[in-house]
Amino acid sequence: MNARHFSTLDEHPSERPALWSHINQGFFGALDVECLHDGPLNAELDAYSLGPLNMFMIEAPAHRVSRSDMRAAIPLDEVFKLVLQLEGVADIRQRDRVFRLHPGDWSLYDPQVPYSITNHAHSRLLAITIPRQQFKGIKMPELHTCEAHTPGMRGLYAVLGSFLASLSEQLPSLPDGVGQPVSETVLGLLASTLATHRDEGLGATQIPSVFKARVKQYVHAHLADSELSLDLIAQQLRCSKRYLHRVFEDEAHTLDRFIWLTRLERCKEALRATAGRHSSVSEIAFAWGFNSSAHFCRMFKAQFGVSPRDFQRREMEAEAPRSATLHH
């Protein structure tokens, strides 16, 4: 997966603190960045775009980032932010709460509210910015952390942390076309933690925007199942079909249409990835939940304006010059 890489290593040591501050402010706005390290500030940041989410792999010596001046709007005013500690120990502070992040711990917070994060030694972390519209209408918990008080919450928080840690290791090698499904999985897991957190404190009330993220995550996880349907989703997520329709009323497509469009996108990616290897169009269609090759071909052409075979042939022709160039 393509990433934008930023580093202080090529600068003179005396210039590195200012450069690191500039790099952070370029992505996160007018935050205060303070170096707590006596030696050279050797820091790196890789920025990835995955659908609606932006992810940042950050490695740096001891430092502190904070937001105290609320007078000017910054880019993070449009997002929530999640931080997963991979190496080192950090303290995140917001309002009257302080939480210590050890490797594997995570925290979700609202950057509109003054906060600080202090990494006490060399650290490596994953930061994720999540557009507020993804959780529209939800009152987010104050400084929501992986600190859990019941076995169910501990298990759920551990699943989210483990998935994000694994994702952080795989980001550089992910193909470019998987950003949207990966983001949906992250949002679905996060939505489950928020819903369970709310259920434990306020009773099991379904929040439409959170529930929608859980539905999308379920769809992505079961897309290859030809039996995937509204009936199955309603049964597995314990709701009515009427509620599913209502939750998706503000979407551009119905849930049924969302399933088929997502399947078509996966097939398109597979046809592109297998161009030149003569993979069967039918095999690709069946692998992504279609049970009729003719039906798949009709839907594919209606959506993309070209038949699957013509699309694959076009990709093969485009791939040939690239391969020839690589071998010279």
Foldseek 3Di string as FASTA:
>chain_A
DDKDKDWLVVDDQVCSVVRVCVVCCVVWNDKDKFAPDPDRWTKMKIWDAFPQKIKIKIWTFWMKIWDDDLPDDGPLQQWKKKKAWQDAWKWKDFDHDIDIHHHLKMKIARNSGIIMMTGGTTTIMMMMTHGPVLVPPDDDDHGGILDDDDPVSVVLSSVLSVVVNVCVVCVVPDDPLCRHLVVLLNLLSVLVSRQVVCCVVPNNDDDLSSVVSVLSNVLSVCQLALPDDLVVSCVVVVHDSVSQQVSCVPPPDRPVVVSLVVLLSQLLVVLLVCQPVPDDSVVSSNRRNDPDSVVSQVVNCVVPVDGSVVSSPVSNVVVVVVVVVVVD
